[in-house]
Amino acid sequence: MTFSRPTRLLLRVLTALILAVIYVPLMLVVVNSFNANKTFAWPPRDLTLEWWKRAAESQGALDALWVSVRVGLAATVIALVLGTMIAFALQRFSFYGRDAVSLLVILPIALPGIVTGIALNNAFRTIFGWQLGFATIVVAHATFCIVTVFNNVIARLRRTGVQLEQASADLGASAFTTFRLVTFPLLRSALLAGALLAFALSFDEIIVTTFTAGAQQQTLPIWIFNNLFRPNQAPIVNVIAAAMIIISIVPVWLAQKLSGDAESLGAGR
């Protein structure tokens, strides 16, 4: 499809405006993390690494970071196991209600976070009788991380088909050998991409966490929100936010690169 020159120009301007709206505020956070002025006067008259040093020494921020990492890793492991199993079940088998199950699996990522948080809070406290804490955060995060892994795995299964697995079986390989030497290598990059995206999604989640964390557990996004309006903590909050921007970009970039490499290999075959 070809566009006229005015249309192309308009599309470029709109793209630039959209990117500016998205990324200029992020860049402002990064620059302010080096701003020597506590009130974040703009433009910065002087730059400093003092806030980064204080952030590295902030025990509250470090504890919250450790909780976020543990939650993200645990939720990612659960999502990898369950998301992969569901993807195989829905792609490789035909059964009554398969489309309904597929919808139910994807639905948690589409629901508003506040709805999911309230629903899980009620379920944990009234149905299961659990105390809100680390375990409930992990379960809550896994509910939407599963969708990320599921989408990556089922998309790869649809592209690869079953021909190579059938050929392996025809040559006498057992089901385990076929999975180890054929299926898993084909899925490896999709699994890694899904895991990276799931971890990134869990790491910066705040709405669902607010309803499922309880008073004793504090993830990094919750710590940022609780300290955002405290004048003494504001510079450190900017540093943590800037660090989270970098941390969030890396897994997303790696996941995109892995998916792109997989697509190139698929096209080559």
Protein backbone atom coordinates (compact mmCIF):
# COMPACT_ATOMS: atom_id res chain seq x y z
CA MET A 1 0.00 0.00 0.00
CA THR A 2 1.33 3.41 -0.99
CA PHE A 3 0.43 6.75 0.58
CA SER A 4 0.59 10.25 -0.80
CA ARG A 5 3.33 12.56 0.45
CA PRO A 6 1.00 14.64 2.70
CA THR A 7 -0.34 11.41 4.25
CA ARG A 8 3.16 10.12 4.93
CA LEU A 9 4.11 13.45 6.49
CA LEU A 10 1.02 13.41 8.69
CA LEU A 11 1.76 9.85 9.82
CA ARG A 12 5.32 10.81 10.71
CA VAL A 13 4.17 13.82 12.72
CA LEU A 14 1.56 11.76 14.57
CA THR A 15 4.11 9.04 15.29
CA ALA A 16 6.58 11.60 16.63
CA LEU A 17 3.89 13.17 18.86
CA ILE A 18 2.80 9.79 20.25
CA LEU A 19 6.39 8.77 20.98
CA ALA A 20 7.03 12.14 22.63
CA VAL A 21 3.99 11.78 24.89
CA ILE A 22 5.18 8.32 25.93
CA TYR A 23 8.92 8.83 26.32
CA VAL A 24 9.47 12.49 27.29
CA PRO A 25 7.99 11.93 30.79
CA LEU A 26 10.21 8.86 31.19
CA MET A 27 13.27 10.83 30.21
CA LEU A 28 12.24 13.55 32.66
CA VAL A 29 12.26 10.99 35.48
CA VAL A 30 15.73 9.79 34.48
CA VAL A 31 17.14 13.34 34.31
CA ASN A 32 15.55 14.29 37.65
CA SER A 33 17.25 11.32 39.29
CA PHE A 34 20.49 13.29 38.77
CA ASN A 35 18.99 16.70 39.64
CA ALA A 36 20.82 18.22 42.60
CA ASN A 37 17.74 20.29 43.51
CA LYS A 38 15.30 18.46 45.81
CA THR A 39 12.39 20.42 44.34
CA PHE A 40 13.36 19.23 40.84
CA ALA A 41 13.65 22.77 39.45
CA TRP A 42 13.77 22.70 35.67
CA PRO A 43 16.09 22.83 33.91
CA PRO A 44 18.56 21.32 36.41
CA ARG A 45 21.28 23.76 37.39
CA ASP A 46 23.53 21.06 38.74
CA LEU A 47 23.74 17.28 38.49
CA THR A 48 24.68 14.85 41.24
CA LEU A 49 24.99 11.13 41.98
CA GLU A 50 24.06 11.70 45.62
CA TRP A 51 20.49 10.41 45.18
CA TRP A 52 21.72 7.21 43.53
CA LYS A 53 24.08 6.66 46.45
CA ARG A 54 21.27 7.19 48.96
CA ALA A 55 18.96 4.88 47.01
CA ALA A 56 21.60 2.14 47.11
CA GLU A 57 21.76 2.58 50.89
CA SER A 58 17.98 2.74 51.44
CA GLN A 59 17.09 -0.42 53.34
CA GLY A 60 13.38 0.00 52.68
CA ALA A 61 13.92 0.20 48.92
CA LEU A 62 16.34 -2.74 48.94
CA ASP A 63 13.92 -4.90 50.93
CA ALA A 64 11.09 -4.01 48.55
CA LEU A 65 13.34 -4.79 45.56
CA TRP A 66 14.15 -8.22 46.98
CA VAL A 67 10.45 -8.95 47.49
CA SER A 68 9.68 -7.91 43.89
CA VAL A 69 12.46 -10.11 42.50
CA ARG A 70 11.32 -13.14 44.52
CA VAL A 71 7.68 -12.63 43.57
CA GLY A 72 8.57 -12.14 39.91
CA LEU A 73 10.70 -15.29 39.77
CA ALA A 74 8.12 -17.44 41.58
CA ALA A 75 5.22 -16.18 39.46
CA THR A 76 7.29 -16.72 36.29
CA VAL A 77 8.07 -20.34 37.19
CA ILE A 78 4.39 -21.06 37.87
CA ALA A 79 3.40 -19.32 34.65
CA LEU A 80 5.95 -21.31 32.63
CA VAL A 81 4.66 -24.65 33.88
CA LEU A 82 0.93 -23.95 33.74
CA GLY A 83 0.98 -21.72 30.64
CA THR A 84 2.95 -24.32 28.65
CA MET A 85 0.71 -27.19 29.76
CA ILE A 86 -2.45 -25.26 28.85
CA ALA A 87 -1.00 -24.29 25.47
CA PHE A 88 -0.23 -27.92 24.65
CA ALA A 89 -3.67 -29.05 25.79
CA LEU A 90 -5.51 -26.48 23.70
CA GLN A 91 -3.32 -26.78 20.60
CA ARG A 92 -2.74 -30.53 20.40
CA PHE A 93 -6.13 -31.88 21.55
CA SER A 94 -9.71 -31.33 20.44
CA PHE A 95 -12.38 -31.45 23.13
CA TYR A 96 -15.73 -29.94 23.96
CA GLY A 97 -15.42 -26.41 25.34
CA ARG A 98 -11.89 -25.80 24.07
CA ASP A 99 -12.72 -22.28 22.84
CA ALA A 100 -14.35 -21.44 26.18
CA VAL A 101 -11.25 -22.62 28.07
CA SER A 102 -9.03 -20.55 25.78
CA LEU A 103 -11.14 -17.46 26.53
CA LEU A 104 -11.00 -18.10 30.27
CA VAL A 105 -7.21 -18.43 30.15
CA ILE A 106 -6.75 -15.10 28.33
CA LEU A 107 -9.44 -13.21 30.26
CA PRO A 108 -7.35 -12.28 33.37
CA ILE A 109 -5.03 -10.06 31.29
CA ALA A 110 -8.05 -8.20 29.85
CA LEU A 111 -9.88 -7.60 33.12
CA PRO A 112 -9.25 -4.29 34.95
CA GLY A 113 -6.58 -4.79 37.58
CA ILE A 114 -8.78 -3.42 40.34
CA VAL A 115 -11.46 -6.02 39.55
CA THR A 116 -8.92 -8.84 39.63
CA GLY A 117 -7.42 -7.50 42.86
CA ILE A 118 -10.76 -7.26 44.66
CA ALA A 119 -11.82 -10.71 43.45
CA LEU A 120 -8.57 -12.34 44.60
CA ASN A 121 -8.64 -10.48 47.92
CA ASN A 122 -12.12 -11.82 48.65
CA ALA A 123 -11.18 -15.33 47.54
CA PHE A 124 -8.02 -15.47 49.64
CA ARG A 125 -9.66 -14.15 52.82
CA THR A 126 -13.19 -15.55 52.71
CA ILE A 127 -12.95 -18.79 50.70
CA PHE A 128 -9.45 -20.09 51.45
CA GLY A 129 -8.90 -18.30 54.77
CA TRP A 130 -5.36 -17.27 53.83
CA GLN A 131 -3.45 -14.43 55.39
CA LEU A 132 -2.40 -11.90 52.77
CA GLY A 133 1.34 -12.00 52.21
CA PHE A 134 4.08 -13.26 49.92
CA ALA A 135 2.22 -16.39 48.77
CA THR A 136 -0.94 -14.50 47.84
CA ILE A 137 1.07 -11.97 45.80
CA VAL A 138 2.73 -14.81 43.88
CA VAL A 139 -0.59 -16.50 43.12
CA ALA A 140 -2.14 -13.18 42.09
CA HIS A 141 0.73 -12.34 39.74
CA ALA A 142 0.75 -15.84 38.28
CA THR A 143 -2.88 -15.42 37.16
CA PHE A 144 -1.91 -12.85 34.54
CA CYS A 145 1.67 -14.03 33.91
CA ILE A 146 0.26 -17.36 32.69
CA VAL A 147 -1.40 -15.51 29.82
CA THR A 148 1.94 -14.14 28.60
CA VAL A 149 3.58 -17.57 28.53
CA PHE A 150 0.46 -19.19 27.06
CA ASN A 151 0.29 -16.72 24.16
CA ASN A 152 3.98 -17.20 23.28
CA VAL A 153 3.90 -20.98 23.47
CA ILE A 154 0.63 -21.55 21.61
CA ALA A 155 1.73 -19.17 18.84
CA ARG A 156 4.95 -21.17 18.42
CA LEU A 157 3.07 -24.49 18.45
CA ARG A 158 0.75 -23.25 15.72
CA ARG A 159 3.70 -22.22 13.54
CA THR A 160 5.79 -25.38 14.00
CA GLY A 161 3.02 -27.95 13.63
CA VAL A 162 3.56 -31.62 14.47
CA GLN A 163 5.44 -32.88 11.39
CA LEU A 164 8.88 -32.99 13.06
CA GLU A 165 7.49 -34.72 16.14
CA GLN A 166 5.72 -37.30 13.99
CA ALA A 167 8.91 -37.90 12.04
CA SER A 168 10.79 -38.43 15.30
CA ALA A 169 8.18 -40.93 16.47
CA ASP A 170 8.31 -42.75 13.11
CA LEU A 171 12.07 -43.13 13.57
CA GLY A 172 11.48 -44.91 16.87
CA ALA A 173 12.12 -42.12 19.39
CA SER A 174 10.18 -42.24 22.64
CA ALA A 175 7.82 -39.43 23.67
CA PHE A 176 10.39 -38.10 26.16
CA THR A 177 13.22 -38.22 23.61
CA THR A 178 11.06 -36.44 21.05
CA PHE A 179 10.20 -33.73 23.56
CA ARG A 180 13.84 -33.32 24.62
CA LEU A 181 15.42 -33.28 21.17
CA VAL A 182 12.64 -31.87 18.97
CA THR A 183 9.81 -30.12 20.81
CA PHE A 184 11.78 -28.32 23.50
CA PRO A 185 14.41 -26.83 21.13
CA LEU A 186 11.58 -25.49 18.96
CA LEU A 187 9.89 -23.93 21.99
CA ARG A 188 13.01 -22.74 23.81
CA SER A 189 13.06 -19.15 22.56
CA ALA A 190 9.27 -18.81 22.99
CA LEU A 191 9.54 -20.04 26.58
CA LEU A 192 12.39 -17.66 27.34
CA ALA A 193 10.56 -14.73 25.73
CA GLY A 194 7.39 -15.57 27.68
CA ALA A 195 9.37 -15.85 30.92
CA LEU A 196 11.07 -12.47 30.39
CA LEU A 197 7.77 -10.75 29.63
CA ALA A 198 6.07 -12.44 32.58
CA PHE A 199 8.83 -11.31 34.96
CA ALA A 200 8.67 -7.75 33.64
CA LEU A 201 4.89 -7.74 34.00
CA SER A 202 5.10 -9.00 37.57
CA PHE A 203 7.98 -6.72 38.56
CA ASP A 204 6.13 -3.44 37.95
CA GLU A 205 2.56 -4.53 38.85
CA ILE A 206 0.91 -2.44 41.57
CA ILE A 207 -2.90 -2.54 41.36
CA VAL A 208 -3.44 -6.26 41.96
CA THR A 209 -0.55 -6.27 44.44
CA THR A 210 -2.21 -3.56 46.52
CA PHE A 211 -5.20 -5.84 47.19
CA THR A 212 -3.22 -9.05 47.76
CA ALA A 213 -0.03 -8.01 49.59
CA GLY A 214 -1.29 -7.34 53.09
CA ALA A 215 0.47 -5.07 55.58
CA GLN A 216 3.69 -7.07 55.96
CA GLN A 217 4.83 -7.37 52.33
CA GLN A 218 5.86 -4.42 50.18
CA THR A 219 6.97 -4.72 46.58
CA LEU A 220 9.05 -2.03 44.90
CA PRO A 221 6.12 -0.36 43.06
CA ILE A 222 4.17 -0.15 46.34
CA TRP A 223 7.22 1.29 48.11
CA ILE A 224 7.48 3.95 45.38
CA PHE A 225 3.81 4.85 45.70
CA ASN A 226 3.98 5.06 49.50
CA ASN A 227 7.03 7.35 49.41
CA LEU A 228 6.11 9.41 46.36
CA PHE A 229 4.72 12.38 48.32
CA ARG A 230 7.31 12.40 51.10
CA PRO A 231 9.69 15.34 50.44
CA ASN A 232 12.73 13.61 51.93
CA GLN A 233 12.17 10.48 49.85
CA ALA A 234 11.19 12.12 46.55
CA PRO A 235 14.74 12.19 45.08
CA ILE A 236 15.24 8.52 45.96
CA VAL A 237 11.87 7.67 44.41
CA ASN A 238 13.06 9.25 41.17
CA VAL A 239 16.19 7.12 41.24
CA ILE A 240 14.20 3.92 41.87
CA ALA A 241 11.76 4.85 39.09
CA ALA A 242 14.65 5.50 36.69
CA ALA A 243 16.22 2.16 37.61
CA MET A 244 12.88 0.41 37.05
CA ILE A 245 12.64 1.93 33.58
CA ILE A 246 15.98 0.37 32.71
CA ILE A 247 15.15 -2.94 34.37
CA SER A 248 11.83 -3.15 32.54
CA ILE A 249 13.32 -2.32 29.15
CA VAL A 250 15.91 -5.12 29.22
CA PRO A 251 13.58 -8.17 29.43
CA VAL A 252 11.14 -6.67 26.93
CA TRP A 253 13.97 -5.98 24.47
CA LEU A 254 15.38 -9.48 24.93
CA ALA A 255 11.94 -11.03 24.47
CA GLN A 256 11.39 -9.06 21.27
CA LYS A 257 14.83 -10.05 19.98
CA LEU A 258 14.21 -13.72 20.75
CA SER A 259 10.82 -13.62 19.03
CA GLY A 260 12.35 -11.90 16.00
CA ASP A 261 15.16 -14.44 15.79
CA ALA A 262 12.64 -17.26 15.99
CA GLU A 263 10.58 -15.72 13.19
CA SER A 264 13.71 -15.46 11.02
CA LEU A 265 14.55 -19.11 11.64
CA GLY A 266 11.00 -20.11 10.82
CA ALA A 267 11.10 -18.16 7.58
CA GLY A 268 14.41 -19.79 6.70
CA ARG A 269 12.94 -23.26 7.09
